[in-house]
Each structure stands twice: as structure tokens, then as C-alpha cells.
Amino acid sequence: MTLKGSITTVLLTAILLFPGGTAVGQDSVSAGQWTQLVEQMGNMGNINWSAGYIEAVGIGAPPAQYMGKPQARPMALRAAQVDALRNLLEITKGVRVDSATSVSDFTVTSDVINTQVEGVVKGAKVMKQEYMSDGTVEVTVRMSLGGNLAPIIMPRVLDRKPETPPPALAPPTAPPAIAPQTAEVVYTGVVIDARGIQVRPAMSPRIIDET
């Protein structure tokens, strides 16, 4: 399938499925279902493909000798923030760029990319802080998929040479008929109904053919 022009949307979201075969939409789909494509990453957090961000959760506790003392709360908060950022980095490196590549594939081959990704993660925004009755603190941090991460990863994706299959021997054909001149159509987006085929979201989805 050939698409002329440019597809301006990098994140193809509403038409994809949850991992593990759980479909976003079945035969009857509400508007809310289409707009909430969230991939849970265990207890660490989630990737919200619809809204374009990653969230991670961290839990921290003060050292036992500081329990009940004024230093306990800030120490627990700091530990929770460190844990949340560590979880966020792990989730980020697992983000699928396309069907065969994840962010970690770029970070392990380039120290520069790895440093840039770690810098983006450290700049994540704290969304929530919860203080528990047992003295622990739970912190939720959020990082945009597109705002700072995409400019690091996507140029590397676009620079990769596409795989070119060997040329096939075509049978002799009659001279092609001259098609009438028509105005060129420019596509600015594409919507694919991928229900029921186990599609998983990625930052840079590719369209191979009609199937």
C-alpha cells in the first residue's frame, strides 16, 4: 500500500489494541473506550498512548532509625521520588518504537542517546504525593511521549534505511493505458480498524499492506 504525502500523526492510538489480546473496541464501542488506550506496566506505572504520556509510581520509606522523627517524612519522600524515576526509566526504555524496536535498542547502542533519555526522565513532573499511615510515601511522576522523548528517538528511526526486497521478475504485460490527469491527493492522516488482530501500540507504526 502506498500513501502519498505525509502522515502527520506519530502516535497511532485510537485504532490499536491492548497487549495480550484485549481489544480496545469490540463490535459495540463507546467513545470513552476509544479515547483511553492505557498499557499497564505491572506495578511500576503505565503508558497512556491516547494522551501521549508515561506515568510511573514510586514508594519510599524512611530508615528505621528515623521513624517517628521530623526527618522521616522528607527522607521517605526523597526515596519515593528516586524509586519513581527509576521505574519511569525502565518503562521508557521498554516503549515500542515500531514492531521490532524499543527505546532500549537505541540506548544500548549509543551512550549519547542513553544520556539524553535519562535526562528527559529526570525532568519528569511530579503529579501526586501520598503520605501513608505507616510512614511510607507514594509518588507518581509523568513524562510526555512526544514532547521530549520523540525528538531524541524519531530522527534515528527516520534515518534508518528501509528494507528493500529483491526485485521480482514480472511477466510480460501489455503497455499500460494512459490514465487521465487528476489532481494529486495529499493525505494528512490515516485511520485503520485493527480490531481483533492483536495489534500493539508503538511510537512509529508502519503500514505494510492491506492485511
N, C-alpha and C. Protein backbone atom coordinates (compact mmCIF):
# COMPACT_ATOMS: atom_id res chain seq x y z
N MET A 1 0.86 -1.19 0.00
CA MET A 1 0.00 0.00 0.00
C MET A 1 0.89 1.23 0.00
N THR A 2 0.62 2.17 -0.85
CA THR A 2 1.43 3.38 -0.93
C THR A 2 0.59 4.57 -0.50
N LEU A 3 1.10 5.37 0.41
CA LEU A 3 0.42 6.57 0.85
C LEU A 3 1.23 7.77 0.40
N LYS A 4 0.60 8.65 -0.37
CA LYS A 4 1.28 9.86 -0.81
C LYS A 4 1.20 10.91 0.27
N GLY A 5 2.12 11.83 0.22
CA GLY A 5 2.11 12.91 1.18
C GLY A 5 2.70 12.44 2.50
N SER A 6 2.36 13.13 3.56
CA SER A 6 2.93 12.84 4.87
C SER A 6 1.84 12.52 5.86
N ILE A 7 2.14 11.59 6.73
CA ILE A 7 1.23 11.28 7.84
C ILE A 7 1.73 12.07 9.04
N THR A 8 0.97 13.04 9.45
CA THR A 8 1.47 13.98 10.44
C THR A 8 1.39 13.44 11.86
N THR A 9 0.57 12.46 12.11
CA THR A 9 0.41 11.97 13.48
C THR A 9 1.38 10.82 13.73
N VAL A 10 2.26 10.98 14.71
CA VAL A 10 3.24 9.94 15.01
C VAL A 10 2.61 8.84 15.85
N LEU A 11 1.80 9.22 16.80
CA LEU A 11 1.21 8.23 17.70
C LEU A 11 -0.12 7.77 17.14
N LEU A 12 -0.17 6.54 16.64
CA LEU A 12 -1.40 5.97 16.13
C LEU A 12 -2.03 5.22 17.28
N THR A 13 -3.13 5.77 17.80
CA THR A 13 -3.60 5.27 19.08
C THR A 13 -4.98 4.65 19.05
N ALA A 14 -5.98 5.41 18.63
CA ALA A 14 -7.35 5.00 18.90
C ALA A 14 -7.75 3.72 18.21
N ILE A 15 -6.98 3.27 17.20
CA ILE A 15 -7.38 2.09 16.47
C ILE A 15 -6.58 0.86 16.89
N LEU A 16 -5.79 0.97 17.97
CA LEU A 16 -4.96 -0.14 18.37
C LEU A 16 -5.61 -0.92 19.50
N LEU A 17 -4.95 -2.02 19.89
CA LEU A 17 -5.48 -2.91 20.91
C LEU A 17 -4.58 -2.93 22.12
N PHE A 18 -5.17 -3.34 23.25
CA PHE A 18 -4.37 -3.57 24.43
C PHE A 18 -3.48 -4.77 24.20
N PRO A 19 -2.27 -4.82 24.84
CA PRO A 19 -1.43 -6.01 24.71
C PRO A 19 -2.11 -7.21 25.34
N GLY A 20 -1.71 -8.39 24.87
CA GLY A 20 -2.28 -9.60 25.42
C GLY A 20 -3.60 -9.95 24.81
N GLY A 21 -4.01 -9.25 23.77
CA GLY A 21 -5.21 -9.63 23.05
C GLY A 21 -6.48 -9.00 23.56
N THR A 22 -6.40 -8.07 24.48
CA THR A 22 -7.60 -7.39 24.97
C THR A 22 -7.90 -6.21 24.07
N ALA A 23 -9.00 -6.24 23.42
CA ALA A 23 -9.29 -5.22 22.42
C ALA A 23 -9.78 -3.95 23.05
N VAL A 24 -9.38 -2.83 22.47
CA VAL A 24 -9.93 -1.54 22.88
C VAL A 24 -11.40 -1.49 22.53
N GLY A 25 -11.73 -1.95 21.35
CA GLY A 25 -13.13 -1.91 20.94
C GLY A 25 -13.56 -3.22 20.35
N GLN A 26 -14.77 -3.63 20.63
CA GLN A 26 -15.34 -4.80 20.01
C GLN A 26 -16.38 -4.33 19.01
N ASP A 27 -17.43 -5.11 18.80
CA ASP A 27 -18.44 -4.70 17.83
C ASP A 27 -19.18 -3.44 18.26
N SER A 28 -19.35 -3.30 19.58
CA SER A 28 -20.01 -2.10 20.11
C SER A 28 -19.00 -1.34 20.94
N VAL A 29 -18.66 -0.14 20.52
CA VAL A 29 -17.60 0.63 21.16
C VAL A 29 -18.13 2.00 21.55
N SER A 30 -17.90 2.37 22.79
CA SER A 30 -18.30 3.70 23.24
C SER A 30 -17.17 4.68 22.97
N ALA A 31 -17.50 5.96 22.98
CA ALA A 31 -16.48 6.98 22.73
C ALA A 31 -15.39 6.94 23.80
N GLY A 32 -15.77 6.66 25.05
CA GLY A 32 -14.79 6.61 26.12
C GLY A 32 -13.77 5.50 25.92
N GLN A 33 -14.22 4.35 25.40
CA GLN A 33 -13.29 3.25 25.16
C GLN A 33 -12.26 3.61 24.10
N TRP A 34 -12.67 4.32 23.08
CA TRP A 34 -11.75 4.68 22.01
C TRP A 34 -10.69 5.65 22.48
N THR A 35 -10.98 6.46 23.48
CA THR A 35 -10.05 7.52 23.86
C THR A 35 -9.17 7.15 25.04
N GLN A 36 -9.26 5.92 25.55
CA GLN A 36 -8.46 5.54 26.70
C GLN A 36 -7.67 4.27 26.39
N LEU A 37 -6.55 4.43 25.72
CA LEU A 37 -5.67 3.30 25.43
C LEU A 37 -4.50 3.38 26.40
N VAL A 38 -4.60 2.64 27.49
CA VAL A 38 -3.60 2.68 28.56
C VAL A 38 -2.99 1.29 28.71
N GLU A 39 -1.68 1.22 28.59
CA GLU A 39 -0.97 -0.04 28.72
C GLU A 39 -0.32 -0.11 30.11
N GLN A 40 -0.81 -1.02 30.93
CA GLN A 40 -0.29 -1.17 32.29
C GLN A 40 1.07 -1.87 32.25
N MET A 41 2.01 -1.36 33.04
CA MET A 41 3.36 -1.92 33.11
C MET A 41 3.61 -2.48 34.51
N GLY A 42 2.82 -3.49 34.84
CA GLY A 42 2.93 -4.08 36.17
C GLY A 42 2.59 -3.08 37.25
N ASN A 43 3.35 -3.12 38.35
CA ASN A 43 3.14 -2.17 39.45
C ASN A 43 3.94 -0.89 39.27
N MET A 44 4.74 -0.82 38.20
CA MET A 44 5.61 0.35 38.02
C MET A 44 4.84 1.56 37.53
N GLY A 45 3.82 1.37 36.68
CA GLY A 45 3.09 2.51 36.12
C GLY A 45 2.39 2.10 34.85
N ASN A 46 2.27 3.04 33.92
CA ASN A 46 1.54 2.76 32.69
C ASN A 46 2.00 3.69 31.57
N ILE A 47 1.66 3.29 30.34
CA ILE A 47 1.86 4.13 29.16
C ILE A 47 0.47 4.50 28.63
N ASN A 48 0.16 5.77 28.64
CA ASN A 48 -1.12 6.24 28.12
C ASN A 48 -0.89 6.68 26.68
N TRP A 49 -1.19 5.76 25.74
CA TRP A 49 -0.95 6.05 24.33
C TRP A 49 -1.92 7.09 23.79
N SER A 50 -3.12 7.14 24.36
CA SER A 50 -4.11 8.11 23.88
C SER A 50 -3.69 9.54 24.21
N ALA A 51 -3.29 9.76 25.47
CA ALA A 51 -2.91 11.10 25.89
C ALA A 51 -1.44 11.39 25.64
N GLY A 52 -0.64 10.36 25.33
CA GLY A 52 0.75 10.57 24.97
C GLY A 52 1.68 10.82 26.14
N TYR A 53 1.55 10.04 27.21
CA TYR A 53 2.48 10.21 28.33
C TYR A 53 2.73 8.87 29.03
N ILE A 54 3.82 8.85 29.81
CA ILE A 54 4.16 7.71 30.64
C ILE A 54 4.06 8.14 32.10
N GLU A 55 3.44 7.32 32.92
CA GLU A 55 3.38 7.57 34.35
C GLU A 55 4.05 6.42 35.10
N ALA A 56 4.77 6.76 36.15
CA ALA A 56 5.41 5.74 36.99
C ALA A 56 5.15 6.07 38.45
N VAL A 57 5.11 5.03 39.26
CA VAL A 57 4.82 5.16 40.69
C VAL A 57 6.02 4.68 41.47
N GLY A 58 6.39 5.42 42.51
CA GLY A 58 7.47 5.01 43.40
C GLY A 58 7.03 5.07 44.84
N ILE A 59 7.54 4.16 45.66
CA ILE A 59 7.19 4.11 47.08
C ILE A 59 8.48 4.19 47.89
N GLY A 60 8.47 5.04 48.88
CA GLY A 60 9.66 5.20 49.72
C GLY A 60 9.32 5.16 51.19
N ALA A 61 10.27 4.67 51.97
CA ALA A 61 10.11 4.61 53.42
C ALA A 61 11.37 5.16 54.07
N PRO A 62 11.26 5.81 55.21
CA PRO A 62 12.45 6.33 55.89
C PRO A 62 13.22 5.19 56.55
N PRO A 63 14.50 5.37 56.79
CA PRO A 63 15.25 4.36 57.54
C PRO A 63 14.60 4.13 58.91
N ALA A 64 14.73 2.91 59.39
CA ALA A 64 14.04 2.54 60.63
C ALA A 64 14.41 3.45 61.80
N GLN A 65 15.67 3.88 61.85
CA GLN A 65 16.10 4.70 62.99
C GLN A 65 15.49 6.09 62.99
N TYR A 66 14.86 6.49 61.85
CA TYR A 66 14.26 7.82 61.78
C TYR A 66 12.74 7.79 61.89
N MET A 67 12.17 6.62 62.05
CA MET A 67 10.71 6.52 62.17
C MET A 67 10.21 7.33 63.36
N GLY A 68 9.20 8.16 63.09
CA GLY A 68 8.63 8.99 64.15
C GLY A 68 9.38 10.27 64.41
N LYS A 69 10.43 10.53 63.65
CA LYS A 69 11.22 11.74 63.84
C LYS A 69 10.93 12.73 62.72
N PRO A 70 11.25 14.01 62.90
CA PRO A 70 10.94 15.01 61.88
C PRO A 70 11.58 14.71 60.52
N GLN A 71 12.74 14.04 60.52
CA GLN A 71 13.42 13.76 59.26
C GLN A 71 12.75 12.65 58.47
N ALA A 72 11.83 11.92 59.08
CA ALA A 72 11.28 10.72 58.45
C ALA A 72 10.53 11.04 57.15
N ARG A 73 9.66 12.04 57.19
CA ARG A 73 8.82 12.32 56.02
C ARG A 73 9.64 12.78 54.82
N PRO A 74 10.52 13.78 54.95
CA PRO A 74 11.31 14.18 53.77
C PRO A 74 12.21 13.08 53.24
N MET A 75 12.72 12.22 54.11
CA MET A 75 13.57 11.12 53.66
C MET A 75 12.74 10.09 52.89
N ALA A 76 11.52 9.83 53.37
CA ALA A 76 10.63 8.90 52.66
C ALA A 76 10.22 9.48 51.31
N LEU A 77 9.97 10.78 51.27
CA LEU A 77 9.59 11.44 50.02
C LEU A 77 10.72 11.34 49.00
N ARG A 78 11.93 11.59 49.45
CA ARG A 78 13.08 11.51 48.54
C ARG A 78 13.24 10.09 48.01
N ALA A 79 13.09 9.10 48.88
CA ALA A 79 13.22 7.71 48.45
C ALA A 79 12.14 7.34 47.44
N ALA A 80 10.92 7.86 47.64
CA ALA A 80 9.83 7.57 46.70
C ALA A 80 10.08 8.21 45.35
N GLN A 81 10.61 9.43 45.34
CA GLN A 81 10.92 10.10 44.07
C GLN A 81 11.99 9.35 43.29
N VAL A 82 13.02 8.88 44.00
CA VAL A 82 14.08 8.12 43.34
C VAL A 82 13.52 6.82 42.76
N ASP A 83 12.65 6.16 43.52
CA ASP A 83 12.04 4.92 43.06
C ASP A 83 11.15 5.16 41.85
N ALA A 84 10.39 6.26 41.87
CA ALA A 84 9.50 6.58 40.76
C ALA A 84 10.29 6.87 39.49
N LEU A 85 11.38 7.62 39.59
CA LEU A 85 12.19 7.92 38.42
C LEU A 85 12.89 6.67 37.88
N ARG A 86 13.29 5.78 38.78
CA ARG A 86 13.90 4.53 38.34
C ARG A 86 12.88 3.68 37.56
N ASN A 87 11.65 3.62 38.07
CA ASN A 87 10.60 2.89 37.37
C ASN A 87 10.24 3.55 36.04
N LEU A 88 10.24 4.89 36.03
CA LEU A 88 9.93 5.61 34.80
C LEU A 88 10.96 5.33 33.72
N LEU A 89 12.24 5.28 34.11
CA LEU A 89 13.30 5.00 33.14
C LEU A 89 13.14 3.59 32.58
N GLU A 90 12.78 2.64 33.44
CA GLU A 90 12.60 1.27 32.96
C GLU A 90 11.42 1.17 32.00
N ILE A 91 10.32 1.86 32.32
CA ILE A 91 9.17 1.84 31.42
C ILE A 91 9.52 2.50 30.09
N THR A 92 10.22 3.64 30.16
CA THR A 92 10.57 4.39 28.96
C THR A 92 11.43 3.55 28.01
N LYS A 93 12.39 2.83 28.55
CA LYS A 93 13.26 2.02 27.70
C LYS A 93 12.51 0.84 27.08
N GLY A 94 11.36 0.50 27.65
CA GLY A 94 10.56 -0.58 27.08
C GLY A 94 9.51 -0.12 26.08
N VAL A 95 9.41 1.19 25.85
CA VAL A 95 8.42 1.71 24.91
C VAL A 95 8.75 1.22 23.50
N ARG A 96 7.73 0.69 22.82
CA ARG A 96 7.94 0.21 21.45
C ARG A 96 8.00 1.38 20.47
N VAL A 97 9.06 1.42 19.68
CA VAL A 97 9.18 2.43 18.64
C VAL A 97 8.47 1.96 17.38
N ASP A 98 8.70 0.70 17.04
CA ASP A 98 7.95 0.06 15.96
C ASP A 98 7.81 -1.42 16.32
N SER A 99 7.42 -2.24 15.36
CA SER A 99 7.13 -3.64 15.67
C SER A 99 8.35 -4.43 16.11
N ALA A 100 9.55 -3.96 15.78
CA ALA A 100 10.75 -4.74 16.08
C ALA A 100 11.75 -4.00 16.95
N THR A 101 11.46 -2.77 17.36
CA THR A 101 12.44 -1.94 18.06
C THR A 101 11.81 -1.27 19.26
N SER A 102 12.58 -1.18 20.33
CA SER A 102 12.15 -0.44 21.51
C SER A 102 13.19 0.65 21.80
N VAL A 103 12.85 1.55 22.72
CA VAL A 103 13.77 2.63 23.06
C VAL A 103 15.09 2.08 23.57
N SER A 104 15.04 0.95 24.29
CA SER A 104 16.27 0.37 24.83
C SER A 104 17.25 -0.04 23.74
N ASP A 105 16.74 -0.40 22.55
CA ASP A 105 17.62 -0.77 21.45
C ASP A 105 18.49 0.41 21.02
N PHE A 106 18.00 1.62 21.18
CA PHE A 106 18.79 2.80 20.83
C PHE A 106 19.74 3.18 21.97
N THR A 107 19.29 3.01 23.21
CA THR A 107 20.12 3.43 24.34
C THR A 107 21.32 2.52 24.55
N VAL A 108 21.19 1.23 24.23
CA VAL A 108 22.32 0.31 24.44
C VAL A 108 23.38 0.45 23.36
N THR A 109 23.01 1.03 22.22
CA THR A 109 23.97 1.19 21.13
C THR A 109 24.57 2.59 21.08
N SER A 110 24.06 3.51 21.89
CA SER A 110 24.57 4.89 21.86
C SER A 110 24.54 5.47 23.26
N ASP A 111 25.71 5.80 23.78
CA ASP A 111 25.78 6.44 25.10
C ASP A 111 25.15 7.82 25.07
N VAL A 112 25.23 8.49 23.92
CA VAL A 112 24.64 9.82 23.80
C VAL A 112 23.12 9.73 23.95
N ILE A 113 22.50 8.80 23.24
CA ILE A 113 21.04 8.64 23.33
C ILE A 113 20.65 8.22 24.75
N ASN A 114 21.43 7.32 25.34
CA ASN A 114 21.13 6.87 26.70
C ASN A 114 21.16 8.04 27.67
N THR A 115 22.17 8.90 27.54
CA THR A 115 22.27 10.07 28.42
C THR A 115 21.10 11.02 28.20
N GLN A 116 20.71 11.21 26.94
CA GLN A 116 19.59 12.11 26.64
C GLN A 116 18.28 11.56 27.21
N VAL A 117 18.06 10.26 27.07
CA VAL A 117 16.83 9.66 27.60
C VAL A 117 16.81 9.77 29.12
N GLU A 118 17.92 9.50 29.76
CA GLU A 118 17.98 9.62 31.22
C GLU A 118 17.72 11.06 31.65
N GLY A 119 18.21 12.03 30.88
CA GLY A 119 17.97 13.43 31.21
C GLY A 119 16.51 13.79 31.10
N VAL A 120 15.83 13.27 30.08
CA VAL A 120 14.39 13.52 29.93
C VAL A 120 13.62 12.94 31.10
N VAL A 121 13.99 11.73 31.51
CA VAL A 121 13.30 11.07 32.62
C VAL A 121 13.48 11.87 33.91
N LYS A 122 14.68 12.37 34.14
CA LYS A 122 14.93 13.14 35.36
C LYS A 122 14.10 14.43 35.40
N GLY A 123 13.69 14.90 34.23
CA GLY A 123 12.87 16.11 34.18
C GLY A 123 11.38 15.85 34.27
N ALA A 124 11.00 14.63 34.63
CA ALA A 124 9.58 14.28 34.72
C ALA A 124 8.89 15.11 35.79
N LYS A 125 7.61 15.33 35.60
CA LYS A 125 6.82 16.16 36.50
C LYS A 125 6.17 15.29 37.58
N VAL A 126 6.26 15.73 38.82
CA VAL A 126 5.59 15.04 39.93
C VAL A 126 4.10 15.39 39.88
N MET A 127 3.27 14.36 39.74
CA MET A 127 1.83 14.57 39.62
C MET A 127 1.10 14.40 40.94
N LYS A 128 1.64 13.53 41.81
CA LYS A 128 0.90 13.24 43.04
C LYS A 128 1.87 12.75 44.11
N GLN A 129 1.61 13.14 45.37
CA GLN A 129 2.35 12.66 46.52
C GLN A 129 1.34 12.23 47.58
N GLU A 130 1.46 11.00 48.04
CA GLU A 130 0.53 10.49 49.05
C GLU A 130 1.33 9.99 50.25
N TYR A 131 0.95 10.46 51.43
CA TYR A 131 1.61 10.06 52.67
C TYR A 131 0.74 9.00 53.35
N MET A 132 1.33 7.83 53.58
CA MET A 132 0.59 6.72 54.16
C MET A 132 0.71 6.72 55.68
N SER A 133 -0.22 6.01 56.31
CA SER A 133 -0.24 5.97 57.77
C SER A 133 0.96 5.24 58.35
N ASP A 134 1.60 4.37 57.57
CA ASP A 134 2.75 3.63 58.09
C ASP A 134 4.07 4.37 57.90
N GLY A 135 4.00 5.62 57.42
CA GLY A 135 5.20 6.42 57.26
C GLY A 135 5.78 6.40 55.86
N THR A 136 5.27 5.53 54.99
CA THR A 136 5.76 5.50 53.61
C THR A 136 5.11 6.59 52.78
N VAL A 137 5.72 6.89 51.64
CA VAL A 137 5.22 7.92 50.74
C VAL A 137 5.13 7.31 49.34
N GLU A 138 4.05 7.61 48.62
CA GLU A 138 3.89 7.15 47.25
C GLU A 138 3.89 8.37 46.33
N VAL A 139 4.74 8.35 45.32
CA VAL A 139 4.89 9.46 44.39
C VAL A 139 4.59 8.98 42.97
N THR A 140 3.81 9.77 42.23
CA THR A 140 3.52 9.49 40.82
C THR A 140 4.16 10.57 39.96
N VAL A 141 4.97 10.16 38.98
CA VAL A 141 5.62 11.10 38.08
C VAL A 141 5.14 10.84 36.66
N ARG A 142 5.20 11.87 35.82
CA ARG A 142 4.70 11.77 34.45
C ARG A 142 5.68 12.40 33.47
N MET A 143 5.82 11.77 32.30
CA MET A 143 6.70 12.27 31.25
C MET A 143 5.99 12.15 29.91
N SER A 144 6.10 13.16 29.08
CA SER A 144 5.45 13.14 27.78
C SER A 144 6.17 12.21 26.81
N LEU A 145 5.41 11.46 26.04
CA LEU A 145 5.99 10.62 24.99
C LEU A 145 6.49 11.46 23.82
N GLY A 146 5.77 12.52 23.50
CA GLY A 146 6.10 13.29 22.31
C GLY A 146 6.98 14.50 22.58
N GLY A 147 6.76 15.17 23.70
CA GLY A 147 7.41 16.46 23.92
C GLY A 147 8.91 16.42 23.89
N ASN A 148 9.54 15.52 24.66
CA ASN A 148 10.99 15.49 24.74
C ASN A 148 11.58 14.16 24.28
N LEU A 149 10.83 13.09 24.42
CA LEU A 149 11.37 11.79 24.04
C LEU A 149 11.40 11.61 22.53
N ALA A 150 10.33 11.99 21.86
CA ALA A 150 10.25 11.78 20.41
C ALA A 150 11.39 12.47 19.64
N PRO A 151 11.77 13.72 19.96
CA PRO A 151 12.88 14.34 19.22
C PRO A 151 14.20 13.60 19.38
N ILE A 152 14.34 12.79 20.43
CA ILE A 152 15.57 12.02 20.61
C ILE A 152 15.53 10.75 19.77
N ILE A 153 14.39 10.08 19.76
CA ILE A 153 14.30 8.75 19.15
C ILE A 153 13.91 8.81 17.68
N MET A 154 12.92 9.64 17.33
CA MET A 154 12.36 9.58 15.98
C MET A 154 13.37 9.90 14.86
N PRO A 155 14.31 10.85 15.04
CA PRO A 155 15.28 11.07 13.96
C PRO A 155 16.09 9.81 13.64
N ARG A 156 16.39 9.01 14.66
CA ARG A 156 17.12 7.76 14.42
C ARG A 156 16.28 6.77 13.64
N VAL A 157 14.98 6.78 13.91
CA VAL A 157 14.09 5.89 13.18
C VAL A 157 14.01 6.30 11.72
N LEU A 158 13.87 7.59 11.48
CA LEU A 158 13.74 8.09 10.11
C LEU A 158 15.03 7.94 9.32
N ASP A 159 16.18 7.93 10.01
CA ASP A 159 17.46 7.81 9.32
C ASP A 159 17.77 6.38 8.90
N ARG A 160 17.06 5.42 9.50
CA ARG A 160 17.34 4.03 9.14
C ARG A 160 16.91 3.74 7.71
N LYS A 161 17.72 3.01 6.97
CA LYS A 161 17.38 2.69 5.60
C LYS A 161 16.28 1.63 5.58
N PRO A 162 15.25 1.84 4.79
CA PRO A 162 14.19 0.84 4.73
C PRO A 162 14.68 -0.43 4.07
N GLU A 163 14.12 -1.54 4.52
CA GLU A 163 14.48 -2.82 3.91
C GLU A 163 13.88 -2.89 2.51
N THR A 164 14.72 -3.25 1.55
CA THR A 164 14.26 -3.33 0.16
C THR A 164 14.24 -4.79 -0.26
N PRO A 165 13.09 -5.34 -0.57
CA PRO A 165 13.04 -6.74 -1.01
C PRO A 165 13.67 -6.88 -2.39
N PRO A 166 14.18 -8.08 -2.71
CA PRO A 166 14.77 -8.29 -4.04
C PRO A 166 13.71 -8.10 -5.12
N PRO A 167 14.11 -7.56 -6.28
CA PRO A 167 13.13 -7.33 -7.34
C PRO A 167 12.56 -8.64 -7.87
N ALA A 168 11.27 -8.65 -8.08
CA ALA A 168 10.61 -9.84 -8.61
C ALA A 168 10.53 -9.73 -10.13
N LEU A 169 10.62 -10.90 -10.77
CA LEU A 169 10.51 -10.93 -12.23
C LEU A 169 9.05 -10.85 -12.62
N ALA A 170 8.66 -9.78 -13.26
CA ALA A 170 7.26 -9.59 -13.64
C ALA A 170 7.02 -10.21 -15.01
N PRO A 171 5.88 -10.87 -15.21
CA PRO A 171 5.57 -11.42 -16.53
C PRO A 171 5.34 -10.31 -17.53
N PRO A 172 5.52 -10.61 -18.80
CA PRO A 172 5.28 -9.59 -19.83
C PRO A 172 3.85 -9.08 -19.77
N THR A 173 3.70 -7.80 -19.89
CA THR A 173 2.37 -7.19 -19.84
C THR A 173 2.20 -6.26 -21.03
N ALA A 174 0.96 -5.98 -21.29
CA ALA A 174 0.65 -5.05 -22.36
C ALA A 174 1.04 -3.64 -21.93
N PRO A 175 1.33 -2.75 -22.86
CA PRO A 175 1.66 -1.37 -22.49
C PRO A 175 0.55 -0.77 -21.64
N PRO A 176 0.92 -0.08 -20.57
CA PRO A 176 -0.11 0.48 -19.69
C PRO A 176 -0.93 1.55 -20.40
N ALA A 177 -2.18 1.56 -20.03
CA ALA A 177 -3.06 2.59 -20.58
C ALA A 177 -2.72 3.93 -19.95
N ILE A 178 -2.88 4.98 -20.69
CA ILE A 178 -2.59 6.32 -20.19
C ILE A 178 -3.76 6.77 -19.34
N ALA A 179 -3.45 6.99 -18.05
CA ALA A 179 -4.51 7.40 -17.14
C ALA A 179 -4.79 8.88 -17.32
N PRO A 180 -6.03 9.27 -17.14
CA PRO A 180 -6.35 10.70 -17.24
C PRO A 180 -5.67 11.49 -16.13
N GLN A 181 -5.30 12.70 -16.42
CA GLN A 181 -4.65 13.54 -15.44
C GLN A 181 -5.63 13.94 -14.34
N THR A 182 -5.22 13.67 -13.10
CA THR A 182 -6.06 14.06 -11.96
C THR A 182 -5.22 14.84 -10.96
N ALA A 183 -5.89 15.60 -10.17
CA ALA A 183 -5.18 16.37 -9.15
C ALA A 183 -4.61 15.43 -8.09
N GLU A 184 -3.38 15.71 -7.63
CA GLU A 184 -2.73 14.86 -6.63
C GLU A 184 -3.45 14.98 -5.29
N VAL A 185 -3.68 13.84 -4.67
CA VAL A 185 -4.35 13.81 -3.38
C VAL A 185 -3.28 13.81 -2.28
N VAL A 186 -3.41 14.69 -1.32
CA VAL A 186 -2.48 14.76 -0.20
C VAL A 186 -3.17 14.21 1.04
N TYR A 187 -2.58 13.17 1.62
CA TYR A 187 -3.15 12.57 2.82
C TYR A 187 -2.50 13.18 4.06
N THR A 188 -3.30 13.54 5.02
CA THR A 188 -2.77 14.10 6.27
C THR A 188 -2.99 13.18 7.45
N GLY A 189 -3.59 12.04 7.23
CA GLY A 189 -3.80 11.09 8.32
C GLY A 189 -4.38 9.81 7.79
N VAL A 190 -4.42 8.81 8.64
CA VAL A 190 -4.99 7.52 8.24
C VAL A 190 -5.62 6.87 9.46
N VAL A 191 -6.76 6.25 9.26
CA VAL A 191 -7.45 5.53 10.33
C VAL A 191 -7.58 4.08 9.90
N ILE A 192 -7.14 3.16 10.74
CA ILE A 192 -7.19 1.75 10.43
C ILE A 192 -8.00 1.04 11.52
N ASP A 193 -8.96 0.24 11.12
CA ASP A 193 -9.71 -0.58 12.06
C ASP A 193 -8.92 -1.86 12.28
N ALA A 194 -8.21 -1.93 13.40
CA ALA A 194 -7.33 -3.08 13.67
C ALA A 194 -7.89 -3.99 14.74
N ARG A 195 -9.20 -3.92 14.95
CA ARG A 195 -9.79 -4.76 15.98
C ARG A 195 -9.65 -6.24 15.65
N GLY A 196 -9.30 -7.02 16.67
CA GLY A 196 -9.28 -8.46 16.53
C GLY A 196 -8.03 -9.04 15.91
N ILE A 197 -6.99 -8.23 15.67
CA ILE A 197 -5.77 -8.78 15.04
C ILE A 197 -4.54 -8.60 15.93
N GLN A 198 -4.73 -8.41 17.23
CA GLN A 198 -3.65 -8.40 18.21
C GLN A 198 -2.62 -7.28 17.98
N VAL A 199 -3.04 -6.16 17.42
CA VAL A 199 -2.12 -5.04 17.19
C VAL A 199 -1.73 -4.41 18.52
N ARG A 200 -0.46 -4.03 18.65
CA ARG A 200 0.02 -3.36 19.86
C ARG A 200 0.51 -1.96 19.50
N PRO A 201 0.32 -0.98 20.38
CA PRO A 201 0.70 0.40 20.06
C PRO A 201 2.20 0.59 19.98
N ALA A 202 2.62 1.57 19.18
CA ALA A 202 4.03 1.91 19.02
C ALA A 202 4.14 3.37 18.65
N MET A 203 5.33 3.96 18.85
CA MET A 203 5.53 5.37 18.54
C MET A 203 5.52 5.62 17.05
N SER A 204 6.01 4.67 16.27
CA SER A 204 6.12 4.85 14.82
C SER A 204 5.56 3.63 14.10
N PRO A 205 4.23 3.49 14.07
CA PRO A 205 3.64 2.34 13.39
C PRO A 205 3.85 2.40 11.89
N ARG A 206 4.00 1.23 11.27
CA ARG A 206 4.18 1.16 9.82
C ARG A 206 3.02 0.38 9.19
N ILE A 207 2.61 0.83 8.02
CA ILE A 207 1.57 0.14 7.26
C ILE A 207 2.27 -0.68 6.19
N ILE A 208 2.10 -2.00 6.27
CA ILE A 208 2.77 -2.88 5.31
C ILE A 208 1.91 -3.11 4.09
N ASP A 209 0.71 -3.61 4.30
CA ASP A 209 -0.23 -3.83 3.18
C ASP A 209 -1.64 -3.91 3.76
N GLU A 210 -2.56 -4.28 2.93
CA GLU A 210 -3.96 -4.26 3.34
C GLU A 210 -4.27 -5.23 4.48
N THR A 211 -3.45 -6.27 4.67
CA THR A 211 -3.71 -7.26 5.72
C THR A 211 -2.99 -6.97 7.00
